[in-house]
Protein backbone atom coordinates (compact mmCIF):
# COMPACT_ATOMS: atom_id res chain seq x y z
CA MET A 1 -26.22 -13.64 30.17
CA LYS A 2 -28.63 -15.23 27.72
CA GLU A 3 -29.79 -11.80 26.51
CA LYS A 4 -26.17 -10.70 25.99
CA VAL A 5 -25.43 -13.76 23.87
CA LEU A 6 -28.57 -13.17 21.81
CA ASN A 7 -27.58 -9.53 21.21
CA GLU A 8 -24.11 -10.60 20.07
CA ILE A 9 -25.63 -13.14 17.69
CA LYS A 10 -27.97 -10.47 16.32
CA MET A 11 -25.03 -8.10 15.82
CA ILE A 12 -23.04 -10.75 13.96
CA LEU A 13 -25.97 -11.64 11.70
CA PHE A 14 -26.80 -7.99 11.05
CA THR A 15 -23.18 -7.23 10.17
CA ALA A 16 -23.02 -10.23 7.84
CA VAL A 17 -26.21 -9.13 6.05
CA LEU A 18 -24.89 -5.59 5.75
CA GLY A 19 -21.60 -6.91 4.35
CA ALA A 20 -23.42 -9.12 1.85
CA ILE A 21 -25.60 -6.24 0.64
CA ALA A 22 -22.59 -3.94 0.33
CA GLY A 23 -20.67 -6.61 -1.59
CA ALA A 24 -23.58 -7.16 -3.96
CA LEU A 25 -23.89 -3.40 -4.59
CA VAL A 26 -20.17 -3.06 -5.35
CA TRP A 27 -20.30 -6.05 -7.70
CA GLY A 28 -23.46 -4.77 -9.42
CA PHE A 29 -22.00 -1.30 -9.93
CA LEU A 30 -18.75 -2.65 -11.38
CA ARG A 31 -20.50 -5.30 -13.50
CA LEU A 32 -22.82 -2.72 -15.05
CA LEU A 33 -19.80 -0.49 -15.67
CA SER A 34 -17.96 -3.34 -17.39
CA ILE A 35 -20.92 -4.08 -19.69
CA CYS A 36 -21.49 -0.42 -20.60
CA THR A 37 -17.77 0.25 -21.14
CA LYS A 38 -17.47 -2.71 -23.51
CA ALA A 39 -20.49 -1.50 -25.47
CA LEU A 40 -19.26 2.09 -25.70
CA TRP A 41 -15.56 1.47 -26.32
CA VAL A 42 -15.44 -1.90 -28.11
CA ASP A 43 -18.75 -2.95 -29.68
CA ILE A 44 -19.89 0.40 -31.13
CA PRO A 45 -16.49 1.53 -32.55
CA SER A 46 -15.96 -1.89 -34.17
CA SER A 47 -19.09 -1.42 -36.26
CA PHE A 48 -17.72 1.58 -38.17
CA ASP A 49 -14.43 3.34 -38.90
CA PHE A 50 -14.44 6.89 -37.57
CA SER A 51 -11.20 8.14 -36.03
CA TRP A 52 -12.85 11.11 -34.27
CA TYR A 53 -15.24 8.87 -32.32
CA PRO A 54 -13.24 8.95 -29.01
CA LEU A 55 -12.93 12.74 -29.04
CA ILE A 56 -16.65 13.27 -29.76
CA LEU A 57 -17.69 10.64 -27.21
CA CYS A 58 -15.54 12.06 -24.41
CA THR A 59 -16.54 15.65 -25.19
CA VAL A 60 -20.23 14.72 -25.03
CA GLY A 61 -19.53 12.82 -21.83
CA GLY A 62 -17.77 15.87 -20.40
CA LEU A 63 -20.75 18.06 -21.30
CA ILE A 64 -23.16 15.69 -19.54
CA ILE A 65 -20.94 15.47 -16.46
CA GLY A 66 -20.48 19.25 -16.39
CA ILE A 67 -24.23 19.88 -16.54
CA LEU A 68 -24.83 17.36 -13.75
CA HIS A 69 -22.15 18.95 -11.59
CA HIS A 70 -23.69 22.37 -12.20
CA PHE A 71 -27.11 21.26 -10.96
CA LEU A 72 -26.29 18.46 -8.49
CA GLY A 73 -22.93 19.44 -6.98
CA ASP A 74 -19.37 18.13 -7.03
CA TYR A 75 -19.78 14.39 -6.52
CA PRO A 76 -18.20 12.02 -5.75
CA GLU A 77 -15.89 13.48 -3.16
CA GLU A 78 -12.25 12.44 -3.15
CA LEU A 79 -11.42 9.39 -1.05
CA PRO A 80 -9.43 11.28 1.63
CA VAL A 81 -12.43 13.62 2.05
CA VAL A 82 -14.84 10.69 2.37
CA MET A 83 -12.60 8.93 4.88
CA GLY A 84 -12.04 12.18 6.80
CA LYS A 85 -15.78 12.80 7.18
CA ILE A 86 -16.37 9.26 8.42
CA LYS A 87 -13.47 9.52 10.86
CA LYS A 88 -14.66 12.88 12.18
CA THR A 89 -18.43 12.38 12.37
CA GLY A 90 -18.86 8.61 12.30
CA SER A 91 -21.18 8.82 9.29
CA TYR A 92 -21.43 9.98 5.69
CA PRO A 93 -24.22 12.08 4.09
CA TYR A 94 -26.67 9.97 2.07
CA LYS A 95 -29.39 12.43 1.02
CA ASN A 96 -27.79 12.99 -2.42
CA MET A 97 -27.24 9.30 -3.10
CA PRO A 98 -28.79 9.30 -6.63
CA ALA A 99 -26.45 12.13 -7.67
CA LEU A 100 -23.50 10.31 -6.12
CA LEU A 101 -24.35 7.07 -7.97
CA ILE A 102 -24.66 8.77 -11.37
CA LEU A 103 -21.60 10.97 -10.99
CA ALA A 104 -19.49 8.08 -9.70
CA PHE A 105 -20.49 6.00 -12.74
CA LEU A 106 -20.15 8.42 -15.68
CA PRO A 107 -16.46 9.44 -15.32
CA LEU A 108 -15.48 5.76 -15.30
CA LEU A 109 -17.65 5.09 -18.35
CA PHE A 110 -16.20 8.01 -20.32
CA ALA A 111 -12.58 6.88 -19.78
CA GLY A 112 -11.63 9.27 -16.98
CA SER A 113 -8.23 8.49 -15.46
CA VAL A 114 -9.79 7.60 -12.11
CA GLY A 115 -10.67 4.51 -10.12
CA PRO A 116 -14.01 3.47 -8.62
CA GLU A 117 -12.89 3.48 -4.98
CA ALA A 118 -13.86 7.06 -4.06
CA GLY A 119 -17.40 6.94 -5.42
CA LEU A 120 -18.13 3.43 -4.16
CA THR A 121 -16.74 4.15 -0.70
CA GLY A 122 -19.06 7.16 -0.44
CA ILE A 123 -22.02 5.11 -1.69
CA ILE A 124 -21.51 2.20 0.72
CA ALA A 125 -20.65 4.47 3.65
CA GLY A 126 -23.80 6.48 2.90
CA LEU A 127 -25.84 3.26 2.82
CA CYS A 128 -24.41 2.20 6.18
CA SER A 129 -25.15 5.64 7.64
CA TRP A 130 -28.75 5.39 6.39
CA VAL A 131 -29.05 1.98 8.04
CA GLY A 132 -27.71 3.43 11.29
CA ASP A 133 -30.17 6.32 11.20
CA ASN A 134 -33.29 4.42 10.11
CA ILE A 135 -33.10 0.90 11.50
CA LYS A 136 -33.83 0.86 15.22
CA TYR A 137 -31.47 -1.99 16.11
CA ALA A 138 -28.49 -0.35 14.34
CA LYS A 139 -28.82 3.14 15.82
CA LYS A 140 -26.61 2.51 18.83
CA GLU A 141 -23.80 1.19 16.60
CA LYS A 142 -24.24 3.52 13.63
CA ASP A 143 -20.76 5.10 13.94
CA ARG A 144 -19.22 1.66 13.64
CA TYR A 145 -21.20 0.64 10.54
CA SER A 146 -19.95 3.53 8.40
CA GLU A 147 -16.36 2.46 9.04
CA ILE A 148 -17.29 -1.14 8.31
CA GLY A 149 -18.79 -0.06 4.98
CA GLU A 150 -15.60 1.86 4.18
CA ALA A 151 -13.44 -1.21 4.93
CA ILE A 152 -15.71 -3.49 2.90
CA THR A 153 -15.53 -1.28 -0.18
CA LEU A 154 -11.76 -0.82 -0.20
CA GLY A 155 -11.16 -4.47 0.63
CA VAL A 156 -13.44 -5.69 -2.15
CA ILE A 157 -12.28 -3.27 -4.87
CA PHE A 158 -8.62 -4.06 -4.31
CA HIS A 159 -9.23 -7.74 -3.41
CA ALA A 160 -7.29 -7.02 -0.22
CA PRO A 161 -9.33 -7.44 3.01
CA LEU A 162 -6.45 -6.42 5.30
CA PHE A 163 -5.88 -3.28 3.25
CA GLY A 164 -9.54 -2.33 3.74
CA ILE A 165 -9.24 -2.66 7.52
CA LEU A 166 -5.84 -0.94 7.79
CA ALA A 167 -6.86 1.91 5.48
CA VAL A 168 -9.61 2.70 8.00
CA GLU A 169 -7.82 1.94 11.27
CA GLU A 170 -4.16 2.83 10.71
CA PRO A 171 -3.47 6.46 11.71
CA GLY A 172 -2.08 8.66 8.94
CA SER A 173 -1.60 12.22 10.15
CA SER A 174 0.22 13.15 13.36
CA GLU A 175 -3.13 14.19 14.86
CA GLU A 176 -4.60 10.77 14.13
CA ARG A 177 -1.55 9.05 15.64
CA GLU A 178 -1.97 11.03 18.86
CA LYS A 179 -5.60 9.91 19.15
CA ALA A 180 -5.02 6.36 17.88
CA SER A 181 -5.81 3.32 19.99
CA ILE A 182 -5.85 -0.40 19.31
CA PRO A 183 -9.27 -1.37 17.89
CA LYS A 184 -11.37 -3.48 20.23
CA PRO A 185 -11.42 -7.21 19.33
CA VAL A 186 -15.18 -7.07 18.71
CA LYS A 187 -14.64 -4.38 16.06
CA LEU A 188 -12.02 -6.48 14.27
CA VAL A 189 -14.37 -9.48 14.39
CA LEU A 190 -17.15 -7.40 12.83
CA TYR A 191 -14.76 -6.20 10.11
CA GLY A 192 -13.90 -9.82 9.35
CA ILE A 193 -17.52 -10.95 9.27
CA ALA A 194 -18.65 -8.08 7.03
CA ILE A 195 -15.76 -8.40 4.57
CA GLY A 196 -16.09 -12.21 4.55
CA ALA A 197 -19.80 -11.93 3.74
CA ALA A 198 -19.06 -9.39 0.99
CA PHE A 199 -16.43 -11.62 -0.61
CA GLY A 200 -18.73 -14.64 -0.32
CA VAL A 201 -21.58 -12.90 -2.13
CA ILE A 202 -19.22 -11.57 -4.80
CA ALA A 203 -17.76 -15.05 -5.36
CA LEU A 204 -21.29 -16.39 -5.82
CA LEU A 205 -22.24 -13.62 -8.26
CA ARG A 206 -18.97 -14.07 -10.17
CA HIS A 207 -19.64 -17.78 -10.51
CA PHE A 208 -23.06 -17.23 -12.08
CA PHE A 209 -22.63 -13.92 -13.91
CA GLY A 210 -18.91 -13.33 -14.39
CA ALA A 211 -16.27 -11.09 -12.83
CA ALA A 212 -16.85 -7.38 -12.33
CA LEU A 213 -13.35 -6.13 -11.52
CA GLU A 214 -10.16 -8.16 -11.50
CA GLY A 215 -8.30 -5.97 -9.03
CA LEU A 216 -4.55 -5.45 -8.99
CA PRO A 217 -2.60 -7.87 -11.23
CA ARG A 218 -0.13 -10.35 -9.77
CA MET A 219 3.33 -9.72 -11.21
CA LYS A 220 5.77 -12.54 -11.94
CA PHE A 221 8.93 -12.19 -9.95
CA THR A 222 12.53 -13.40 -9.94
CA ALA A 223 14.74 -13.39 -6.86
CA PRO A 224 16.28 -9.93 -6.37
CA ALA A 225 20.00 -9.46 -6.91
CA TRP A 226 22.29 -7.41 -4.67
CA GLN A 227 22.10 -4.56 -7.20
CA ASP A 228 18.33 -4.31 -6.63
CA TYR A 229 18.77 -3.69 -2.91
CA VAL A 230 21.47 -1.08 -3.55
CA LEU A 231 19.27 0.65 -6.11
CA MET A 232 16.58 1.16 -3.48
CA LEU A 233 18.63 4.29 -2.72
CA LEU A 234 17.53 5.52 -6.17
CA TYR A 235 14.07 3.95 -6.44
CA ILE A 236 12.74 5.48 -3.21
CA PRO A 237 13.66 9.05 -4.29
CA VAL A 238 12.08 8.32 -7.69
CA GLY A 239 8.86 7.36 -5.90
CA LEU A 240 8.99 10.53 -3.82
CA ILE A 241 9.56 12.63 -6.94
CA LEU A 242 6.47 11.04 -8.51
CA TYR A 243 4.52 11.85 -5.34
CA LEU A 244 5.65 15.50 -5.47
CA PHE A 245 4.85 15.67 -9.18
CA PHE A 246 1.35 14.28 -8.54
CA GLU A 247 0.76 16.75 -5.70
CA GLY A 248 2.04 19.62 -7.86
CA CYS A 249 -0.23 18.65 -10.75
CA GLU A 250 -3.16 18.44 -8.34
CA TRP A 251 -2.41 21.91 -6.92
CA ILE A 252 -2.19 23.48 -10.40
CA ALA A 253 -5.29 21.66 -11.68
CA LYS A 254 -7.28 22.77 -8.62
CA LYS A 255 -6.25 26.40 -9.17
CA ILE A 256 -7.24 26.30 -12.84
CA ALA A 257 -10.50 24.46 -12.12
CA GLY A 258 -11.44 27.10 -9.56
CA ILE A 259 -11.75 29.80 -12.23
CA ILE A 260 -13.69 27.73 -14.79
CA PRO A 261 -17.48 27.12 -14.55
CA PRO A 262 -18.52 23.46 -14.01
CA ILE A 263 -19.94 22.89 -17.51
CA ALA A 264 -16.86 24.36 -19.23
CA ARG A 265 -14.64 22.30 -16.90
CA GLY A 266 -16.42 19.11 -17.88
CA ILE A 267 -16.16 19.85 -21.61
CA LEU A 268 -12.46 20.75 -21.31
CA CYS A 269 -11.75 17.55 -19.41
CA GLY A 270 -13.67 15.53 -22.00
CA VAL A 271 -11.60 17.07 -24.79
CA LEU A 272 -8.34 16.25 -22.97
CA ILE A 273 -9.41 12.65 -22.42
CA GLY A 274 -10.61 12.38 -26.03
CA ILE A 275 -7.23 13.59 -27.34
CA ALA A 276 -5.50 11.06 -25.09
CA ALA A 277 -7.82 8.34 -26.42
CA MET A 278 -6.78 9.15 -29.97
CA TYR A 279 -3.02 9.42 -29.45
CA LEU A 280 -2.07 7.77 -26.14
CA PRO A 281 -4.84 5.39 -25.00
CA ILE A 282 -2.56 3.70 -22.47
CA ILE A 283 -3.25 6.55 -20.01
CA LEU A 284 -7.05 6.20 -20.14
CA PHE A 285 -9.29 4.62 -17.49
CA SER A 286 -8.01 3.51 -14.09
CA GLY A 287 -4.95 1.68 -15.44
CA GLU A 288 -5.89 -1.70 -13.95
CA GLU A 289 -6.07 -3.52 -17.30
CA GLN A 290 -2.98 -1.81 -18.73
CA MET A 291 -1.05 -2.71 -15.57
CA GLY A 292 -1.81 -6.39 -16.11
CA GLU A 293 -0.44 -6.23 -19.66
CA LEU A 294 2.69 -4.22 -18.89
CA PRO A 295 4.96 -7.01 -17.51
CA ALA A 296 4.61 -8.95 -20.76
CA GLU A 297 4.82 -5.95 -23.09
CA PHE A 298 7.25 -3.52 -21.44
CA GLY A 299 10.08 -4.65 -23.73
CA THR A 300 8.23 -3.15 -26.70
CA TYR A 301 8.43 0.33 -25.16
CA ALA A 302 11.37 2.69 -24.83
CA PRO A 303 12.34 3.47 -21.20
CA LEU A 304 11.77 7.21 -21.66
CA PHE A 305 8.34 6.51 -23.15
CA LEU A 306 7.28 4.67 -19.96
CA ILE A 307 8.59 7.51 -17.80
CA VAL A 308 6.63 10.03 -19.88
CA VAL A 309 3.53 7.80 -19.59
CA ALA A 310 3.95 7.85 -15.79
CA LEU A 311 4.07 11.65 -15.74
CA LEU A 312 1.17 12.07 -18.16
CA LYS A 313 -0.91 9.57 -16.18
CA CYS A 314 -0.40 11.71 -13.05
CA LEU A 315 -1.32 14.83 -15.00
CA LEU A 316 -4.45 13.34 -16.58
CA THR A 317 -5.57 11.85 -13.25
CA THR A 318 -5.36 15.17 -11.42
CA CYS A 319 -7.08 16.97 -14.30
CA SER A 320 -9.83 14.34 -14.36
CA ILE A 321 -10.50 14.68 -10.63
CA GLN A 322 -10.35 18.47 -10.48
CA PHE A 323 -12.17 19.18 -13.77
CA GLY A 324 -15.21 17.04 -13.06
CA PHE A 325 -14.37 13.43 -14.00
CA ARG A 326 -14.16 12.72 -10.30
CA GLY A 327 -13.13 9.41 -8.77
CA GLY A 328 -10.36 7.64 -6.93
CA HIS A 329 -6.65 8.08 -7.54
CA PHE A 330 -5.23 4.79 -6.22
CA PHE A 331 -5.42 2.66 -9.39
CA PRO A 332 -4.11 5.43 -11.70
CA LEU A 333 -1.30 6.37 -9.32
CA ILE A 334 -0.21 2.75 -8.92
CA PHE A 335 -0.14 2.38 -12.72
CA ALA A 336 1.95 5.55 -13.02
CA CYS A 337 4.38 4.25 -10.40
CA VAL A 338 4.72 0.89 -12.12
CA CYS A 339 5.44 2.59 -15.45
CA GLY A 340 7.96 4.91 -13.80
CA GLY A 341 9.67 2.03 -12.00
CA PHE A 342 9.88 -0.04 -15.18
CA GLY A 343 11.22 2.92 -17.17
CA VAL A 344 13.95 3.86 -14.68
CA CYS A 345 15.01 0.21 -14.30
CA MET A 346 15.23 -0.21 -18.09
CA LEU A 347 17.47 2.85 -18.31
CA LEU A 348 19.81 1.26 -15.75
CA PHE A 349 19.86 -2.38 -16.89
CA GLY A 350 19.11 -2.12 -20.61
CA ASP A 351 18.37 -5.49 -22.20
CA GLY A 352 18.90 -7.25 -18.86
CA ALA A 353 16.09 -5.37 -17.12
CA SER A 354 13.51 -8.17 -17.25
CA SER A 355 14.69 -9.74 -13.97
CA HIS A 356 14.82 -6.39 -12.16
CA VAL A 357 11.78 -4.35 -13.28
CA VAL A 358 9.29 -5.85 -10.85
CA PHE A 359 11.49 -5.05 -7.85
CA ALA A 360 11.94 -1.48 -9.10
CA ALA A 361 8.19 -1.05 -9.65
CA ALA A 362 7.41 -2.37 -6.16
CA VAL A 363 9.80 0.00 -4.37
CA VAL A 364 8.81 3.07 -6.43
CA THR A 365 5.11 2.35 -5.86
CA ALA A 366 5.57 1.75 -2.13
CA ALA A 367 7.48 5.03 -1.69
CA THR A 368 4.86 7.03 -3.61
CA LEU A 369 1.83 5.51 -1.87
CA GLY A 370 3.59 5.70 1.50
CA ALA A 371 4.09 9.44 1.03
CA GLN A 372 0.54 9.90 -0.24
CA MET A 373 -1.32 7.78 2.35
CA LYS A 374 1.15 8.02 5.27
CA LYS A 375 -0.03 4.53 6.27
CA PRO A 376 2.88 2.13 5.59
CA ALA A 377 1.15 -0.98 6.93
CA ALA A 378 -1.91 -0.39 4.71
CA VAL A 379 0.31 0.27 1.68
CA THR A 380 2.26 -2.93 2.35
CA MET A 381 -0.88 -5.05 2.60
CA LEU A 382 -2.19 -3.53 -0.64
CA LEU A 383 1.02 -4.18 -2.57
CA MET A 384 1.30 -7.75 -1.30
CA LEU A 385 -1.54 -8.43 -3.74
CA MET A 386 0.75 -7.44 -6.62
CA PHE A 387 4.14 -8.61 -5.41
CA PRO A 388 5.39 -11.78 -3.63
CA VAL A 389 5.84 -12.10 0.12
CA ARG A 390 9.64 -11.97 -0.20
CA MET A 391 9.21 -8.31 -1.19
CA LEU A 392 7.59 -7.56 2.18
CA LEU A 393 10.56 -5.85 3.87
CA PRO A 394 11.66 -3.67 0.90
CA ILE A 395 8.06 -2.55 0.37
CA LEU A 396 7.50 -1.82 4.06
CA LEU A 397 10.77 0.10 4.28
CA ALA A 398 10.01 2.18 1.17
CA ALA A 399 6.44 2.87 2.37
CA ALA A 400 7.66 3.87 5.84
CA LEU A 401 10.31 6.25 4.46
CA GLY A 402 7.76 7.66 2.02
CA GLY A 403 5.33 8.16 4.90
CA ILE A 404 7.92 10.07 6.91
CA VAL A 405 8.69 12.39 3.99
CA GLY A 406 5.00 12.84 3.13
CA GLY A 407 4.22 13.58 6.77
CA ARG A 408 6.94 16.21 6.96
CA ILE A 409 5.68 17.89 3.80
CA SER A 410 2.11 17.91 5.15
CA GLN A 411 3.25 19.44 8.45
CA GLU A 412 5.09 22.19 6.59
CA GLU A 413 1.98 22.92 4.51
CA VAL A 414 -0.10 23.21 7.69
CA ALA A 415 2.50 25.40 9.37
CA ASP A 416 2.85 27.64 6.31
CA PRO A 417 -0.63 27.80 4.72
CA GLU A 418 -1.29 29.43 1.38
CA PRO A 419 -1.95 33.18 1.54
């Protein structure tokens, strides 16, 4: 009995240390990115007036990324691929960790329309797999630690601990639902300990050195009117259309990327991002900062402009990922959905849209992410960080309906594969 208690204490302490290390690594990565981005995109351009600077910078960045992809491989892998490998094998490859670190960092630095979640999830999951393979005590629990690392990363990046856990544990595909079981209490406790330790370390580092990533913005909200609930019949299809548009762009971009060598792909992507930087900078980067500014500034934009921004953001994100500026799609897709929701709402309500746009954005985003992730509970927990609790039921409903449609589409793709 005494030995069992000691082993449980050791496991708790080990998990807490692992969570703290993972949290510190995520913070350090994002803090370094913030410093370098400010230097490259704010400090240096402010010292001289040269309008072609963004195009040259992004093209050079694309060349560097293309060369690295040519010699090191296509890193980082997309988040669904990372999560799929962990789910299937219980671990994630860590032998190419230096390549993964560099190629997760550079696309974010050179304004790729991607988020940090894919690269960081691979990095932390790889670290946890290394721990499981090389530290004697952790070997018997190594499958569990990779999933814990995955949950830590997603929870920390999005400032949503429950989202991190549900993104790992909630079944998405029909195959996963068939195999799904309720996680054992000890596993949930370990998730809580690891994520708590990660957040504690990050809070300490933020206090002394400043924030690294603000996460999703909190949107001000007014009580929904009856018209808002009725218009869910429109907003949910709008979200599903955005999902289909994103998937279509991804399919086309993947086809084009498949016939272009890695170095040329990187240069082409850099040129596209550079042109966007010169003429439409709102679609650059992950969209996190722009999303925080949109509720206060949306009135300065035309509704159709915001809808076009949503579509172009989807297009640039898929091109970034497929052409070499690889990273996560969650932040960019959420920004696209918010823009689309605002734009459609403004078309409907005109000058009176200010009390309705947040509801529209929430439902459109929930439907799109629900179709994309097929995990309505995880989507709901994520969006609760942006929207108030009173939006819980509309968001859950939209995410669930989106998940049903997305699941049907996925089943049809499996049943009728590409020739």
